[in-house]
């Protein structure tokens, strides 16, 4: 059972949210009252889970470049005081790897909650507004996505957070995401 999926009250779609890829903007602002979220209404969510035929729904997810998402997750968790301010991104990733420690769920594979091949639409954070407009027209929901819960960076580019070693660790950790979501192994600027 996937508790993280979002059902539609009108039985038109199922959305597979991915941490650090506009969950709040999509679920709570664009889909609003149509979104059936487990944490808000577990009884209705369970009912949808048991009764709705997923194959009849429009299945969608939005993903993000794994390099960018890892930095965003780190900064978010630091802002939430889950990761100490003393850590920088590279030091934290290397430490967690060397100590063989489990990372917070914000660092999970994006493809953990869905099968890419089963989706009707796979949007990307890098083309979010354009991709969202396609979905919005199909579902008759607002086309404009606001920006909520946005992580602010101290450094300008994603690449500036990476050393070669950390780049290789992230590629190793997210190998499946890079492959299935068709992201380049080159660091984005």
C-alpha atoms as a PDB file:
ATOM      1  CA  UNK A   1       0.000   0.000   0.000  1.00  0.00           C
ATOM      2  CA  UNK A   2       1.366   3.415  -0.976  1.00  0.00           C
ATOM      3  CA  UNK A   3       0.215   5.976   1.593  1.00  0.00           C
ATOM      4  CA  UNK A   4       1.849   8.848  -0.219  1.00  0.00           C
ATOM      5  CA  UNK A   5      -0.352   8.822  -3.330  1.00  0.00           C
ATOM      6  CA  UNK A   6      -3.045  11.473  -3.690  1.00  0.00           C
ATOM      7  CA  UNK A   7      -6.453  10.425  -5.013  1.00  0.00           C
ATOM      8  CA  UNK A   8      -9.015  12.636  -6.699  1.00  0.00           C
ATOM      9  CA  UNK A   9     -12.450  13.123  -5.096  1.00  0.00           C
ATOM     10  CA  UNK A  10     -13.862  13.016  -8.625  1.00  0.00           C
ATOM     11  CA  UNK A  11     -11.995   9.773  -9.489  1.00  0.00           C
ATOM     12  CA  UNK A  12     -10.185  11.317 -12.439  1.00  0.00           C
ATOM     13  CA  UNK A  13      -6.521  11.146 -11.377  1.00  0.00           C
ATOM     14  CA  UNK A  14      -3.965   9.734  -9.002  1.00  0.00           C
ATOM     15  CA  UNK A  15      -0.910  11.829  -8.187  1.00  0.00           C
ATOM     16  CA  UNK A  16       2.311  10.309  -6.877  1.00  0.00           C
ATOM     17  CA  UNK A  17       4.060  13.089  -4.943  1.00  0.00           C
ATOM     18  CA  UNK A  18       7.844  13.138  -4.645  1.00  0.00           C
ATOM     19  CA  UNK A  19       9.494  14.967  -1.737  1.00  0.00           C
ATOM     20  CA  UNK A  20      11.142  18.258  -2.721  1.00  0.00           C
ATOM     21  CA  UNK A  21       9.173  18.455  -5.987  1.00  0.00           C
ATOM     22  CA  UNK A  22       6.365  20.972  -5.341  1.00  0.00           C
ATOM     23  CA  UNK A  23       4.131  18.740  -3.222  1.00  0.00           C
ATOM     24  CA  UNK A  24       2.524  21.692  -1.420  1.00  0.00           C
ATOM     25  CA  UNK A  25       2.056  23.745  -4.572  1.00  0.00           C
ATOM     26  CA  UNK A  26       0.408  20.870  -6.419  1.00  0.00           C
ATOM     27  CA  UNK A  27      -1.542  19.087  -3.670  1.00  0.00           C
ATOM     28  CA  UNK A  28      -2.728  21.885  -1.425  1.00  0.00           C
ATOM     29  CA  UNK A  29      -2.970  24.836  -3.809  1.00  0.00           C
ATOM     30  CA  UNK A  30      -3.595  23.610  -7.360  1.00  0.00           C
ATOM     31  CA  UNK A  31      -5.567  20.424  -6.644  1.00  0.00           C
ATOM     32  CA  UNK A  32      -7.014  21.882  -3.421  1.00  0.00           C
ATOM     33  CA  UNK A  33     -10.323  20.330  -2.401  1.00  0.00           C
ATOM     34  CA  UNK A  34     -10.104  17.593  -5.040  1.00  0.00           C
ATOM     35  CA  UNK A  35      -7.030  16.067  -3.382  1.00  0.00           C
ATOM     36  CA  UNK A  36      -7.684  13.127  -1.082  1.00  0.00           C
ATOM     37  CA  UNK A  37      -4.607  12.932   1.130  1.00  0.00           C
ATOM     38  CA  UNK A  38      -4.124  10.236   3.764  1.00  0.00           C
ATOM     39  CA  UNK A  39      -2.997  12.697   6.450  1.00  0.00           C
ATOM     40  CA  UNK A  40      -6.122  14.846   5.963  1.00  0.00           C
ATOM     41  CA  UNK A  41      -8.768  12.147   5.569  1.00  0.00           C
ATOM     42  CA  UNK A  42      -7.499   8.593   6.161  1.00  0.00           C
ATOM     43  CA  UNK A  43     -10.990   7.055   5.943  1.00  0.00           C
ATOM     44  CA  UNK A  44     -11.829   8.550   2.531  1.00  0.00           C
ATOM     45  CA  UNK A  45      -8.283   7.846   1.344  1.00  0.00           C
ATOM     46  CA  UNK A  46      -8.602   4.178   2.346  1.00  0.00           C
ATOM     47  CA  UNK A  47     -11.975   3.977   0.634  1.00  0.00           C
ATOM     48  CA  UNK A  48     -10.467   5.369  -2.577  1.00  0.00           C
ATOM     49  CA  UNK A  49      -7.546   2.980  -2.248  1.00  0.00           C
ATOM     50  CA  UNK A  50      -9.867  -0.015  -2.039  1.00  0.00           C
ATOM     51  CA  UNK A  51     -12.567   0.991  -4.553  1.00  0.00           C
ATOM     52  CA  UNK A  52     -10.917   3.017  -7.287  1.00  0.00           C
ATOM     53  CA  UNK A  53      -9.485   1.180 -10.280  1.00  0.00           C
ATOM     54  CA  UNK A  54      -6.094   2.840 -10.736  1.00  0.00           C
ATOM     55  CA  UNK A  55      -5.857   1.713 -14.362  1.00  0.00           C
ATOM     56  CA  UNK A  56      -8.871   3.956 -15.158  1.00  0.00           C
ATOM     57  CA  UNK A  57      -7.259   7.071 -13.642  1.00  0.00           C
ATOM     58  CA  UNK A  58      -4.883   9.619 -15.127  1.00  0.00           C
ATOM     59  CA  UNK A  59      -1.628   8.740 -13.345  1.00  0.00           C
ATOM     60  CA  UNK A  60       0.926  11.505 -12.866  1.00  0.00           C
ATOM     61  CA  UNK A  61       4.102  12.371 -11.009  1.00  0.00           C
ATOM     62  CA  UNK A  62       6.586  15.235 -11.038  1.00  0.00           C
ATOM     63  CA  UNK A  63      10.296  14.596 -10.576  1.00  0.00           C
ATOM     64  CA  UNK A  64      13.491  16.615 -10.218  1.00  0.00           C
ATOM     65  CA  UNK A  65      17.114  16.309 -11.245  1.00  0.00           C
ATOM     66  CA  UNK A  66      18.626  14.086  -8.515  1.00  0.00           C
ATOM     67  CA  UNK A  67      21.614  16.406  -8.031  1.00  0.00           C
ATOM     68  CA  UNK A  68      19.337  19.398  -7.456  1.00  0.00           C
ATOM     69  CA  UNK A  69      16.874  17.441  -5.319  1.00  0.00           C
ATOM     70  CA  UNK A  70      19.610  16.156  -2.983  1.00  0.00           C
ATOM     71  CA  UNK A  71      20.827  19.718  -2.323  1.00  0.00           C
ATOM     72  CA  UNK A  72      17.250  20.912  -1.796  1.00  0.00           C
ATOM     73  CA  UNK A  73      16.558  18.056   0.643  1.00  0.00           C
ATOM     74  CA  UNK A  74      19.743  18.815   2.583  1.00  0.00           C
ATOM     75  CA  UNK A  75      18.958  22.547   2.876  1.00  0.00           C
ATOM     76  CA  UNK A  76      15.335  21.878   3.818  1.00  0.00           C
ATOM     77  CA  UNK A  77      16.352  19.441   6.564  1.00  0.00           C
ATOM     78  CA  UNK A  78      18.940  21.905   7.832  1.00  0.00           C
ATOM     79  CA  UNK A  79      16.278  24.626   7.978  1.00  0.00           C
ATOM     80  CA  UNK A  80      14.059  22.201   9.926  1.00  0.00           C
ATOM     81  CA  UNK A  81      16.987  21.566  12.339  1.00  0.00           C
ATOM     82  CA  UNK A  82      17.096  17.860  11.445  1.00  0.00           C
ATOM     83  CA  UNK A  83      20.603  18.325  10.042  1.00  0.00           C
ATOM     84  CA  UNK A  84      22.961  20.502  12.109  1.00  0.00           C
ATOM     85  CA  UNK A  85      23.966  23.906  10.705  1.00  0.00           C
ATOM     86  CA  UNK A  86      27.640  22.941  11.130  1.00  0.00           C
ATOM     87  CA  UNK A  87      27.392  20.470   8.228  1.00  0.00           C
ATOM     88  CA  UNK A  88      27.932  21.488   4.649  1.00  0.00           C
ATOM     89  CA  UNK A  89      26.339  19.403   1.907  1.00  0.00           C
ATOM     90  CA  UNK A  90      29.476  17.533   0.826  1.00  0.00           C
ATOM     91  CA  UNK A  91      30.600  16.801   4.379  1.00  0.00           C
ATOM     92  CA  UNK A  92      27.174  15.493   5.343  1.00  0.00           C
ATOM     93  CA  UNK A  93      26.829  13.189   2.321  1.00  0.00           C
ATOM     94  CA  UNK A  94      30.369  11.801   2.766  1.00  0.00           C
ATOM     95  CA  UNK A  95      29.850  11.290   6.534  1.00  0.00           C
ATOM     96  CA  UNK A  96      26.538   9.479   6.062  1.00  0.00           C
ATOM     97  CA  UNK A  97      28.086   7.258   3.402  1.00  0.00           C
ATOM     98  CA  UNK A  98      31.219   6.435   5.403  1.00  0.00           C
ATOM     99  CA  UNK A  99      29.207   5.702   8.545  1.00  0.00           C
ATOM    100  CA  UNK A 100      26.749   3.665   6.462  1.00  0.00           C
ATOM    101  CA  UNK A 101      23.901   5.630   8.044  1.00  0.00           C
ATOM    102  CA  UNK A 102      20.403   5.785   6.622  1.00  0.00           C
ATOM    103  CA  UNK A 103      19.442   9.139   5.146  1.00  0.00           C
ATOM    104  CA  UNK A 104      16.148  10.892   5.877  1.00  0.00           C
ATOM    105  CA  UNK A 105      13.220   9.893   3.621  1.00  0.00           C
ATOM    106  CA  UNK A 106      13.667  13.161   1.708  1.00  0.00           C
ATOM    107  CA  UNK A 107      16.682  11.447   0.128  1.00  0.00           C
ATOM    108  CA  UNK A 108      14.742   8.347  -1.033  1.00  0.00           C
ATOM    109  CA  UNK A 109      14.643   7.382  -4.689  1.00  0.00           C
ATOM    110  CA  UNK A 110      11.979   9.339  -6.551  1.00  0.00           C
ATOM    111  CA  UNK A 111      10.895   6.193  -8.370  1.00  0.00           C
ATOM    112  CA  UNK A 112      10.208   4.355  -5.106  1.00  0.00           C
ATOM    113  CA  UNK A 113       6.483   5.194  -5.072  1.00  0.00           C
ATOM    114  CA  UNK A 114       5.522   4.483  -8.687  1.00  0.00           C
ATOM    115  CA  UNK A 115       6.497   2.689 -11.860  1.00  0.00           C
ATOM    116  CA  UNK A 116       7.559   5.177 -14.509  1.00  0.00           C
ATOM    117  CA  UNK A 117       6.142   3.029 -17.323  1.00  0.00           C
ATOM    118  CA  UNK A 118       2.670   3.011 -15.705  1.00  0.00           C
ATOM    119  CA  UNK A 119       2.357   6.811 -15.639  1.00  0.00           C
ATOM    120  CA  UNK A 120       0.273   8.749 -18.113  1.00  0.00           C
ATOM    121  CA  UNK A 121       2.288  11.882 -17.422  1.00  0.00           C
ATOM    122  CA  UNK A 122       5.741  12.472 -15.946  1.00  0.00           C
ATOM    123  CA  UNK A 123       6.423  16.146 -15.345  1.00  0.00           C
ATOM    124  CA  UNK A 124       9.779  17.618 -14.496  1.00  0.00           C
ATOM    125  CA  UNK A 125      10.647  20.328 -12.012  1.00  0.00           C
ATOM    126  CA  UNK A 126      12.936  21.858 -14.612  1.00  0.00           C
ATOM    127  CA  UNK A 127       9.940  22.530 -16.893  1.00  0.00           C
ATOM    128  CA  UNK A 128       7.347  22.743 -14.125  1.00  0.00           C
ATOM    129  CA  UNK A 129       5.094  25.564 -15.366  1.00  0.00           C
ATOM    130  CA  UNK A 130       4.867  24.159 -18.893  1.00  0.00           C
ATOM    131  CA  UNK A 131       4.315  20.603 -17.687  1.00  0.00           C
ATOM    132  CA  UNK A 132       1.782  21.678 -15.060  1.00  0.00           C
ATOM    133  CA  UNK A 133      -0.255  23.578 -17.660  1.00  0.00           C
ATOM    134  CA  UNK A 134      -0.664  20.342 -19.641  1.00  0.00           C
ATOM    135  CA  UNK A 135      -1.968  18.570 -16.532  1.00  0.00           C
ATOM    136  CA  UNK A 136      -4.123  21.514 -15.455  1.00  0.00           C
ATOM    137  CA  UNK A 137      -5.913  21.670 -18.794  1.00  0.00           C
ATOM    138  CA  UNK A 138      -6.575  17.935 -18.707  1.00  0.00           C
ATOM    139  CA  UNK A 139      -7.955  18.030 -15.149  1.00  0.00           C
ATOM    140  CA  UNK A 140      -9.614  21.476 -15.295  1.00  0.00           C
ATOM    141  CA  UNK A 141      -7.642  22.833 -12.348  1.00  0.00           C
ATOM    142  CA  UNK A 142      -5.763  26.158 -12.033  1.00  0.00           C
ATOM    143  CA  UNK A 143      -2.898  26.471 -14.522  1.00  0.00           C
ATOM    144  CA  UNK A 144      -0.770  28.692 -12.312  1.00  0.00           C
ATOM    145  CA  UNK A 145       1.283  26.987  -9.636  1.00  0.00           C
ATOM    146  CA  UNK A 146       2.337  29.171  -6.756  1.00  0.00           C
ATOM    147  CA  UNK A 147       5.669  28.678  -5.037  1.00  0.00           C
ATOM    148  CA  UNK A 148       5.259  27.403  -1.506  1.00  0.00           C
ATOM    149  CA  UNK A 149       7.798  25.911   0.880  1.00  0.00           C
ATOM    150  CA  UNK A 150      10.617  26.859  -1.496  1.00  0.00           C
ATOM    151  CA  UNK A 151      14.143  26.032  -0.323  1.00  0.00           C
ATOM    152  CA  UNK A 152      16.519  28.966  -0.524  1.00  0.00           C
ATOM    153  CA  UNK A 153      20.130  28.354  -1.550  1.00  0.00           C
ATOM    154  CA  UNK A 154      23.172  30.232  -0.337  1.00  0.00           C
ATOM    155  CA  UNK A 155      25.206  29.278  -3.411  1.00  0.00           C
ATOM    156  CA  UNK A 156      24.058  30.167  -6.920  1.00  0.00           C
ATOM    157  CA  UNK A 157      24.500  26.884  -8.752  1.00  0.00           C
ATOM    158  CA  UNK A 158      23.804  23.276  -7.870  1.00  0.00           C
ATOM    159  CA  UNK A 159      27.278  22.331  -9.107  1.00  0.00           C
ATOM    160  CA  UNK A 160      28.896  24.585  -6.484  1.00  0.00           C
ATOM    161  CA  UNK A 161      27.657  22.249  -3.733  1.00  0.00           C
ATOM    162  CA  UNK A 162      29.460  19.241  -5.206  1.00  0.00           C
ATOM    163  CA  UNK A 163      32.912  17.749  -5.060  1.00  0.00           C
ATOM    164  CA  UNK A 164      33.792  14.956  -7.463  1.00  0.00           C
ATOM    165  CA  UNK A 165      33.481  12.391  -4.650  1.00  0.00           C
ATOM    166  CA  UNK A 166      30.017  13.603  -3.628  1.00  0.00           C
ATOM    167  CA  UNK A 167      28.901  13.693  -7.269  1.00  0.00           C
ATOM    168  CA  UNK A 168      29.908  10.032  -7.582  1.00  0.00           C
ATOM    169  CA  UNK A 169      28.122   9.116  -4.325  1.00  0.00           C
ATOM    170  CA  UNK A 170      24.916  10.803  -5.505  1.00  0.00           C
ATOM    171  CA  UNK A 171      25.149   9.095  -8.912  1.00  0.00           C
ATOM    172  CA  UNK A 172      25.582   5.751  -7.139  1.00  0.00           C
ATOM    173  CA  UNK A 173      22.676   6.375  -4.738  1.00  0.00           C
ATOM    174  CA  UNK A 174      20.282   7.604  -7.447  1.00  0.00           C
ATOM    175  CA  UNK A 175      21.428   5.416 -10.329  1.00  0.00           C
ATOM    176  CA  UNK A 176      17.899   4.158 -10.970  1.00  0.00           C
ATOM    177  CA  UNK A 177      16.432   7.681 -10.926  1.00  0.00           C
ATOM    178  CA  UNK A 178      19.050   8.948 -13.370  1.00  0.00           C
ATOM    179  CA  UNK A 179      18.293   6.058 -15.702  1.00  0.00           C
ATOM    180  CA  UNK A 180      14.492   5.816 -15.497  1.00  0.00           C
ATOM    181  CA  UNK A 181      13.868   9.557 -15.364  1.00  0.00           C
ATOM    182  CA  UNK A 182      16.410  10.227 -18.122  1.00  0.00           C
ATOM    183  CA  UNK A 183      18.586  12.738 -16.296  1.00  0.00           C
ATOM    184  CA  UNK A 184      22.157  13.455 -17.333  1.00  0.00           C
ATOM    185  CA  UNK A 185      25.026  12.425 -15.069  1.00  0.00           C
ATOM    186  CA  UNK A 186      26.518  15.884 -15.594  1.00  0.00           C
ATOM    187  CA  UNK A 187      25.976  18.400 -12.825  1.00  0.00           C
ATOM    188  CA  UNK A 188      23.451  21.125 -13.707  1.00  0.00           C
ATOM    189  CA  UNK A 189      24.646  24.707 -13.479  1.00  0.00           C
END
